[in-house]
């Protein structure tokens, strides 16, 4: 019985850790996407880091990782001349292919997060 309680506590601790600790490169990619697409400037305060915290508190670590991975490729695609919507779709398709997911499955995850992120950016930058 004691062993089951210990295991349960360990699993709970690991779950909390996974939700709260994303790799710094992942966090940086979401901040970069915020700065690039929303054009949040330093004089507006720390809107991008605030928005990052706001969305991380509302989504799973896996959803955050998918959003960040798509965002990283999206920024590369935009830098290479893609239109914004084409850049996002191409990035989502590539991440979907890598994860064994359809484009629709990836967009079902990332589009609501993107709307949530945009709202958080507006709220944090004001």
Protein backbone atom coordinates (compact mmCIF):
# COMPACT_ATOMS: atom_id res chain seq x y z
CA UNK A 1 0.00 0.00 0.00
CA UNK A 2 2.80 2.41 0.93
CA UNK A 3 4.59 1.59 -2.32
CA UNK A 4 1.44 2.45 -4.32
CA UNK A 5 1.19 5.83 -2.53
CA UNK A 6 4.85 6.54 -3.26
CA UNK A 7 4.41 5.61 -6.92
CA UNK A 8 1.28 7.73 -7.16
CA UNK A 9 3.10 10.71 -5.62
CA UNK A 10 6.01 10.23 -8.00
CA UNK A 11 3.73 10.13 -11.04
CA UNK A 12 1.89 13.25 -9.90
CA UNK A 13 5.20 15.07 -9.39
CA UNK A 14 6.43 14.04 -12.83
CA UNK A 15 3.17 15.18 -14.44
CA UNK A 16 3.44 18.60 -12.81
CA UNK A 17 7.09 18.87 -13.82
CA UNK A 18 6.31 17.97 -17.44
CA UNK A 19 3.56 20.56 -17.65
CA UNK A 20 5.66 23.33 -16.16
CA UNK A 21 9.04 22.73 -17.75
CA UNK A 22 9.33 23.01 -21.50
CA UNK A 23 12.80 23.12 -23.06
CA UNK A 24 14.10 26.67 -23.26
CA UNK A 25 14.49 26.44 -27.06
CA UNK A 26 10.79 25.62 -27.28
CA UNK A 27 9.90 28.60 -25.14
CA UNK A 28 12.23 30.80 -27.16
CA UNK A 29 10.58 29.75 -30.41
CA UNK A 30 7.14 30.74 -29.10
CA UNK A 31 8.50 34.10 -27.92
CA UNK A 32 10.17 34.63 -31.31
CA UNK A 33 6.91 33.79 -33.06
CA UNK A 34 5.13 36.30 -30.84
CA UNK A 35 7.66 39.02 -31.56
CA UNK A 36 7.64 38.34 -35.30
CA UNK A 37 3.96 37.86 -35.99
CA UNK A 38 2.43 40.20 -33.44
CA UNK A 39 5.22 42.74 -33.67
CA UNK A 40 5.41 43.18 -29.93
CA UNK A 41 8.19 45.62 -29.22
CA UNK A 42 10.27 45.94 -26.01
CA UNK A 43 8.72 49.32 -25.16
CA UNK A 44 5.36 47.56 -24.77
CA UNK A 45 6.67 45.66 -21.81
CA UNK A 46 7.22 41.96 -21.49
CA UNK A 47 4.15 40.96 -23.50
CA UNK A 48 5.62 37.89 -25.17
CA UNK A 49 6.93 36.24 -22.02
CA UNK A 50 3.67 37.05 -20.25
CA UNK A 51 1.71 35.52 -23.15
CA UNK A 52 3.93 32.45 -23.08
CA UNK A 53 3.14 31.92 -19.41
CA UNK A 54 -0.56 32.49 -20.03
CA UNK A 55 -0.87 29.84 -22.73
CA UNK A 56 1.37 27.29 -20.98
CA UNK A 57 -0.99 27.37 -18.02
CA UNK A 58 -3.92 26.39 -20.27
CA UNK A 59 -2.55 23.61 -22.50
CA UNK A 60 -0.71 20.32 -22.11
CA UNK A 61 3.05 20.07 -22.57
CA UNK A 62 2.51 17.97 -25.72
CA UNK A 63 0.18 20.60 -27.21
CA UNK A 64 2.71 23.31 -26.35
CA UNK A 65 5.51 21.35 -28.01
CA UNK A 66 3.47 20.85 -31.19
CA UNK A 67 2.57 24.56 -31.27
CA UNK A 68 6.20 25.57 -30.72
CA UNK A 69 7.52 23.13 -33.35
CA UNK A 70 5.01 24.38 -35.92
CA UNK A 71 5.89 27.95 -34.95
CA UNK A 72 9.60 27.37 -35.49
CA UNK A 73 9.03 26.00 -38.99
CA UNK A 74 6.47 28.72 -39.68
CA UNK A 75 9.05 31.43 -38.96
CA UNK A 76 11.54 29.71 -41.28
CA UNK A 77 8.90 29.47 -44.01
CA UNK A 78 7.95 33.15 -43.69
CA UNK A 79 11.64 34.09 -43.84
CA UNK A 80 11.87 32.07 -47.06
CA UNK A 81 9.05 33.98 -48.73
CA UNK A 82 5.94 31.95 -47.93
CA UNK A 83 2.69 33.81 -47.35
CA UNK A 84 1.73 33.56 -43.67
CA UNK A 85 -1.16 31.11 -44.02
CA UNK A 86 0.81 28.93 -46.45
CA UNK A 87 3.80 29.05 -44.09
CA UNK A 88 1.67 27.83 -41.18
CA UNK A 89 -0.02 25.06 -43.16
CA UNK A 90 3.30 23.80 -44.57
CA UNK A 91 4.83 23.80 -41.09
CA UNK A 92 1.81 22.01 -39.60
CA UNK A 93 1.92 19.39 -42.35
CA UNK A 94 5.60 18.72 -41.75
CA UNK A 95 5.17 18.38 -37.98
CA UNK A 96 2.13 16.17 -38.58
CA UNK A 97 4.13 13.93 -40.90
CA UNK A 98 6.91 13.66 -38.29
CA UNK A 99 4.43 12.77 -35.54
CA UNK A 100 2.15 10.50 -37.58
CA UNK A 101 -0.70 13.03 -37.49
CA UNK A 102 -2.82 14.46 -40.26
CA UNK A 103 -2.72 18.15 -41.12
CA UNK A 104 -6.25 18.45 -39.74
CA UNK A 105 -5.20 16.89 -36.41
CA UNK A 106 -2.30 19.31 -36.06
CA UNK A 107 -4.43 22.32 -36.98
CA UNK A 108 -7.11 21.21 -34.52
CA UNK A 109 -4.46 21.56 -31.82
CA UNK A 110 -2.56 24.61 -33.03
CA UNK A 111 -5.34 26.91 -34.27
CA UNK A 112 -7.10 27.29 -30.90
CA UNK A 113 -3.72 27.77 -29.22
CA UNK A 114 -2.86 30.44 -31.79
CA UNK A 115 -6.08 32.31 -31.00
CA UNK A 116 -5.41 31.94 -27.28
CA UNK A 117 -1.82 33.16 -27.83
CA UNK A 118 -3.01 36.21 -29.81
CA UNK A 119 -5.46 37.12 -27.04
CA UNK A 120 -2.76 36.66 -24.40
CA UNK A 121 -0.37 38.87 -26.37
CA UNK A 122 -2.97 41.65 -26.53
CA UNK A 123 -3.77 41.35 -22.83
CA UNK A 124 -0.14 41.22 -21.76
CA UNK A 125 1.06 44.06 -24.00
CA UNK A 126 -1.56 46.53 -22.77
